[in-house]
Amino acid sequence: QVQLVESGGGLVQPGGSLRLSCTASGGIFSFSIYNISWFRQAPGKQREWVALISNSGTATYADSVKGRFTVSRDNAVSTAYLQMNSLEPEDTAVYFCKPGRSPVATTYSTWGQGTQVTVSS
């Protein structure tokens, strides 16, 4: 199965932007067939679904981020992206990417390190 590594997190002020990357180690042929889902988990809260980009490039978003976040992918470099604009303190969380289309976090048995996003003034 494909292995994904998240990167690009950091500290940003409210209203700012960050772009997260999700890079696969399985090569372009293995990466291209996967749907990629983004999740996040804030301290003391359950992991929640954020967005999906299908293997054909179709994007779907949670209501909480719709209009602010954009998912994309570049199969040639086995990478998916989460562009986050107009960030709010409520977006503070550890962000994860997973191969799959399920929006239910408990569907997935294992999780990587994720990347920390902190939105604060």
Protein backbone atom coordinates (compact mmCIF):
# COMPACT_ATOMS: atom_id res chain seq x y z
CA GLN A 1 0.00 0.00 0.00
CA VAL A 2 1.02 3.61 -0.52
CA GLN A 3 2.71 5.42 2.36
CA LEU A 4 2.06 9.13 2.79
CA VAL A 5 4.00 11.81 4.63
CA GLU A 6 2.52 15.20 5.53
CA SER A 7 4.54 18.41 5.59
CA GLY A 8 4.20 22.17 5.35
CA GLY A 9 2.59 23.01 8.65
CA GLY A 10 3.58 25.90 10.83
CA LEU A 11 2.48 28.98 12.69
CA VAL A 12 0.36 31.51 10.83
CA GLN A 13 -1.70 34.53 11.81
CA PRO A 14 -5.48 34.58 11.41
CA GLY A 15 -6.33 35.38 7.82
CA GLY A 16 -3.07 33.93 6.58
CA SER A 17 -2.34 30.99 4.32
CA LEU A 18 -0.44 27.73 4.33
CA ARG A 19 0.01 24.96 1.83
CA LEU A 20 0.32 21.42 3.10
CA SER A 21 1.88 18.63 1.09
CA CYS A 22 1.14 14.93 1.16
CA THR A 23 3.89 12.98 -0.54
CA ALA A 24 3.75 9.30 -1.35
CA SER A 25 6.57 6.81 -1.39
CA GLY A 26 4.84 4.35 -3.72
CA GLY A 27 5.73 5.95 -7.03
CA ILE A 28 3.57 7.67 -9.60
CA PHE A 29 1.79 4.55 -10.79
CA SER A 30 0.70 3.50 -7.33
CA PHE A 31 -0.15 7.04 -6.21
CA SER A 32 -2.35 7.92 -9.16
CA ILE A 33 -5.01 5.32 -8.45
CA TYR A 34 -5.70 6.49 -4.90
CA ASN A 35 -8.24 8.89 -3.57
CA ILE A 36 -6.59 11.17 -1.01
CA SER A 37 -8.47 12.35 2.06
CA TRP A 38 -7.42 15.06 4.51
CA PHE A 39 -8.28 14.93 8.19
CA ARG A 40 -7.41 17.09 11.17
CA GLN A 41 -7.42 16.69 14.91
CA ALA A 42 -7.41 19.53 17.40
CA PRO A 43 -6.35 19.03 21.02
CA GLY A 44 -9.08 17.31 22.99
CA LYS A 45 -11.26 16.80 19.93
CA GLN A 46 -11.98 13.88 17.65
CA ARG A 47 -10.32 13.57 14.30
CA GLU A 48 -12.52 15.12 11.61
CA TRP A 49 -12.65 14.90 7.86
CA VAL A 50 -11.56 18.01 5.96
CA ALA A 51 -11.46 17.30 2.24
CA LEU A 52 -11.14 14.69 -0.47
CA ILE A 53 -9.53 14.70 -3.87
CA SER A 54 -10.46 11.70 -5.96
CA ASN A 55 -8.16 9.79 -8.24
CA SER A 56 -9.68 11.76 -11.12
CA GLY A 57 -9.13 15.12 -9.44
CA THR A 58 -12.62 15.82 -8.16
CA ALA A 59 -12.60 17.79 -4.90
CA THR A 60 -15.01 17.62 -1.98
CA TYR A 61 -14.86 19.73 1.20
CA ALA A 62 -16.27 19.82 4.67
CA ASP A 63 -18.60 22.73 5.26
CA SER A 64 -16.21 24.19 7.81
CA VAL A 65 -13.50 24.78 5.20
CA LYS A 66 -15.50 25.20 2.01
CA GLY A 67 -14.48 28.32 0.14
CA ARG A 68 -11.23 28.64 2.07
CA PHE A 69 -9.36 25.39 1.40
CA THR A 70 -8.45 23.88 -1.97
CA VAL A 71 -7.19 20.37 -2.64
CA SER A 72 -5.11 19.44 -5.65
CA ARG A 73 -2.70 16.75 -6.73
CA ASP A 74 0.29 16.23 -8.98
CA ASN A 75 0.57 12.56 -9.77
CA ALA A 76 3.88 13.09 -11.59
CA VAL A 77 5.53 13.83 -8.25
CA SER A 78 3.21 11.64 -6.14
CA THR A 79 1.99 14.59 -4.11
CA ALA A 80 -1.35 15.95 -2.99
CA TYR A 81 -1.77 19.47 -1.66
CA LEU A 82 -4.07 21.27 0.72
CA GLN A 83 -4.03 25.01 0.14
CA MET A 84 -5.44 26.76 3.20
CA ASN A 85 -6.48 30.40 2.93
CA SER A 86 -8.27 32.74 5.32
CA LEU A 87 -7.12 30.63 8.22
CA GLU A 88 -8.94 30.89 11.53
CA PRO A 89 -7.88 29.89 15.05
CA GLU A 90 -10.40 27.07 14.81
CA ASP A 91 -8.27 25.56 12.05
CA THR A 92 -5.51 24.85 14.55
CA ALA A 93 -4.93 21.10 14.47
CA VAL A 94 -2.65 18.33 13.36
CA TYR A 95 -3.43 17.60 9.72
CA PHE A 96 -3.24 14.13 8.20
CA CYS A 97 -3.63 12.67 4.75
CA LYS A 98 -4.81 9.16 3.99
CA PRO A 99 -5.24 7.05 0.88
CA GLY A 100 -8.96 6.45 0.63
CA ARG A 101 -12.26 8.20 0.14
CA SER A 102 -14.02 7.51 3.42
CA PRO A 103 -14.83 10.61 5.51
CA VAL A 104 -15.11 8.46 8.64
CA ALA A 105 -11.88 8.65 10.59
CA THR A 106 -12.43 5.32 12.31
CA THR A 107 -12.30 3.63 8.91
CA TYR A 108 -8.52 3.92 9.04
CA SER A 109 -6.57 1.72 11.38
CA THR A 110 -3.28 3.62 11.38
CA TRP A 111 -2.17 7.24 11.19
CA GLY A 112 1.11 8.95 10.45
CA GLN A 113 2.74 11.84 12.25
CA GLY A 114 0.70 14.53 10.55
CA THR A 115 1.79 18.15 10.38
CA GLN A 116 0.93 20.80 12.95
CA VAL A 117 -0.95 23.91 11.89
CA THR A 118 -1.27 26.67 14.46
CA VAL A 119 -3.33 29.77 13.70
CA SER A 120 -2.68 32.44 16.29
CA SER A 121 -1.92 36.12 16.59
